[in-house]
């Protein structure tokens, strides 16, 4: 690790730091604390968020790009981690939607008023005449065991 510091190679420094299990644990803990702080700031009552606004105009005019702009400004570390997780060889057009859904679920779990995404899903299901209660059919298979 000393060579990486002397050469000012940040990539080598990070690689060597993540090889050490104790240092890796500290890095993971601190990144988690930073993400938690970002989510806490977005969930505060003072923060204006698209996900907190439940008006009909917001529901009608919701776009993933507005949500991504808000997330990039309030939670840049979380967005960069999710972008690196969703990076593929071919360009996917729904990448912003996937990142937005992940963040919306995390924020809803943390603060119940951040439920715009869940309301949009409910409206789509209601417009599609989906029943309020979904019944699942379980098929049980009987297996025969042969003993010799």
Protein backbone atom coordinates (compact mmCIF):
# COMPACT_ATOMS: atom_id res chain seq x y z
CA UNK A 1 0.00 0.00 0.00
CA UNK A 2 2.98 2.29 0.65
CA UNK A 3 4.08 2.06 -2.99
CA UNK A 4 0.61 3.09 -4.17
CA UNK A 5 0.69 6.13 -1.90
CA UNK A 6 4.22 7.04 -3.01
CA UNK A 7 3.26 6.74 -6.69
CA UNK A 8 -0.01 8.61 -6.11
CA UNK A 9 -1.88 5.83 -7.86
CA UNK A 10 -5.42 5.98 -6.52
CA UNK A 11 -6.50 2.84 -8.35
CA UNK A 12 -3.69 0.77 -6.81
CA UNK A 13 -4.42 2.28 -3.40
CA UNK A 14 -8.08 1.27 -3.57
CA UNK A 15 -7.25 -2.19 -4.90
CA UNK A 16 -4.77 -2.83 -2.10
CA UNK A 17 -7.16 -1.43 0.50
CA UNK A 18 -9.95 -3.76 -0.59
CA UNK A 19 -7.64 -6.78 -0.37
CA UNK A 20 -7.23 -6.26 3.36
CA UNK A 21 -10.38 -7.63 5.10
CA UNK A 22 -10.25 -5.16 8.00
CA UNK A 23 -9.82 -2.13 5.77
CA UNK A 24 -12.50 -3.46 3.42
CA UNK A 25 -14.95 -3.72 6.32
CA UNK A 26 -14.26 -0.10 7.31
CA UNK A 27 -14.68 1.11 3.72
CA UNK A 28 -17.99 -0.72 3.33
CA UNK A 29 -19.24 0.63 6.66
CA UNK A 30 -18.36 4.22 5.77
CA UNK A 31 -19.88 4.00 2.28
CA UNK A 32 -23.04 2.68 3.94
CA UNK A 33 -23.02 5.62 6.35
CA UNK A 34 -22.68 8.06 3.44
CA UNK A 35 -25.60 6.46 1.58
CA UNK A 36 -27.69 6.48 4.76
CA UNK A 37 -26.94 10.19 5.18
CA UNK A 38 -28.01 10.86 1.57
CA UNK A 39 -31.28 8.98 2.06
CA UNK A 40 -31.93 10.76 5.35
CA UNK A 41 -31.49 14.16 3.74
CA UNK A 42 -33.92 13.23 0.95
CA UNK A 43 -36.49 11.93 3.43
CA UNK A 44 -36.48 15.00 5.65
CA UNK A 45 -39.63 17.10 5.83
CA UNK A 46 -37.77 20.16 4.54
CA UNK A 47 -36.56 18.45 1.35
CA UNK A 48 -38.82 18.90 -1.64
CA UNK A 49 -39.04 15.64 -3.55
CA UNK A 50 -40.94 14.42 -6.56
CA UNK A 51 -41.67 11.20 -4.68
CA UNK A 52 -43.47 13.07 -1.86
CA UNK A 53 -45.78 15.04 -4.15
CA UNK A 54 -49.07 13.18 -4.62
CA UNK A 55 -50.99 15.71 -6.73
CA UNK A 56 -52.72 14.56 -9.89
CA UNK A 57 -50.55 16.79 -12.07
CA UNK A 58 -47.41 15.17 -10.66
CA UNK A 59 -48.87 11.73 -11.33
CA UNK A 60 -49.70 12.67 -14.92
CA UNK A 61 -46.40 14.41 -15.66
CA UNK A 62 -44.04 11.97 -13.94
CA UNK A 63 -40.89 11.14 -15.92
CA UNK A 64 -37.85 9.09 -15.01
CA UNK A 65 -35.55 11.90 -16.08
CA UNK A 66 -36.93 14.28 -13.43
CA UNK A 67 -36.50 11.61 -10.78
CA UNK A 68 -32.95 10.87 -11.95
CA UNK A 69 -32.08 14.58 -11.86
CA UNK A 70 -33.34 14.81 -8.29
CA UNK A 71 -31.56 11.62 -7.23
CA UNK A 72 -28.29 12.71 -8.85
CA UNK A 73 -28.33 15.98 -6.95
CA UNK A 74 -29.38 14.57 -3.54
CA UNK A 75 -27.85 11.07 -3.56
CA UNK A 76 -24.87 11.03 -5.94
CA UNK A 77 -23.07 8.12 -4.23
CA UNK A 78 -26.12 5.85 -4.33
CA UNK A 79 -26.79 6.73 -7.97
CA UNK A 80 -23.18 6.09 -8.97
CA UNK A 81 -23.24 2.68 -7.25
CA UNK A 82 -26.51 1.75 -8.96
CA UNK A 83 -25.21 2.99 -12.31
CA UNK A 84 -22.14 0.78 -12.00
CA UNK A 85 -24.38 -2.16 -11.01
CA UNK A 86 -26.62 -1.69 -14.06
CA UNK A 87 -23.82 -1.16 -16.58
CA UNK A 88 -24.06 -3.62 -19.45
CA UNK A 89 -22.27 -4.15 -22.76
CA UNK A 90 -25.29 -3.02 -24.72
CA UNK A 91 -26.99 0.27 -23.96
CA UNK A 92 -30.30 -0.31 -22.19
CA UNK A 93 -33.02 2.31 -22.57
CA UNK A 94 -34.70 1.42 -19.27
CA UNK A 95 -31.58 1.94 -17.13
CA UNK A 96 -32.92 5.15 -15.57
CA UNK A 97 -36.18 3.40 -14.77
CA UNK A 98 -34.39 0.51 -13.06
CA UNK A 99 -32.29 2.90 -10.96
CA UNK A 100 -35.36 5.00 -10.20
CA UNK A 101 -37.36 1.97 -9.05
CA UNK A 102 -34.52 0.81 -6.78
CA UNK A 103 -34.23 4.25 -5.20
CA UNK A 104 -38.00 4.67 -4.88
CA UNK A 105 -38.32 1.36 -3.04
CA UNK A 106 -35.42 2.23 -0.70
CA UNK A 107 -36.86 5.67 0.03
CA UNK A 108 -40.38 4.31 0.61
CA UNK A 109 -38.96 1.76 3.04
CA UNK A 110 -37.19 4.56 4.92
CA UNK A 111 -39.98 7.17 4.85
CA UNK A 112 -43.58 6.20 4.15
CA UNK A 113 -44.53 9.55 2.55
CA UNK A 114 -42.19 8.89 -0.39
CA UNK A 115 -44.79 6.74 -2.15
CA UNK A 116 -45.37 8.37 -5.56
CA UNK A 117 -43.97 5.36 -7.42
CA UNK A 118 -46.24 2.93 -5.54
CA UNK A 119 -49.25 5.16 -6.32
CA UNK A 120 -48.38 5.13 -10.02
CA UNK A 121 -48.13 1.33 -10.00
CA UNK A 122 -51.50 1.12 -8.20
CA UNK A 123 -53.12 3.41 -10.77
CA UNK A 124 -51.75 1.33 -13.64
CA UNK A 125 -53.08 -1.86 -12.04
CA UNK A 126 -56.46 -0.22 -11.35
CA UNK A 127 -56.71 1.04 -14.93
CA UNK A 128 -56.01 -2.51 -16.12
CA UNK A 129 -58.96 -3.83 -14.06
CA UNK A 130 -56.76 -5.93 -11.83
CA UNK A 131 -58.61 -7.33 -8.84
CA UNK A 132 -57.76 -6.00 -5.39
CA UNK A 133 -56.95 -9.46 -4.18
CA UNK A 134 -54.76 -11.77 -6.18
CA UNK A 135 -55.22 -15.47 -5.63
CA UNK A 136 -52.41 -17.88 -6.20
CA UNK A 137 -52.97 -21.42 -7.37
CA UNK A 138 -50.59 -23.91 -5.82
CA UNK A 139 -49.99 -27.11 -7.69
CA UNK A 140 -48.72 -29.92 -5.59
CA UNK A 141 -46.77 -32.69 -7.21
CA UNK A 142 -46.84 -36.18 -5.82
CA UNK A 143 -43.54 -37.85 -6.23
CA UNK A 144 -43.05 -41.55 -6.33
CA UNK A 145 -39.98 -43.04 -4.82
CA UNK A 146 -38.72 -46.33 -6.04
CA UNK A 147 -36.81 -48.45 -3.66
CA UNK A 148 -34.75 -51.36 -4.82
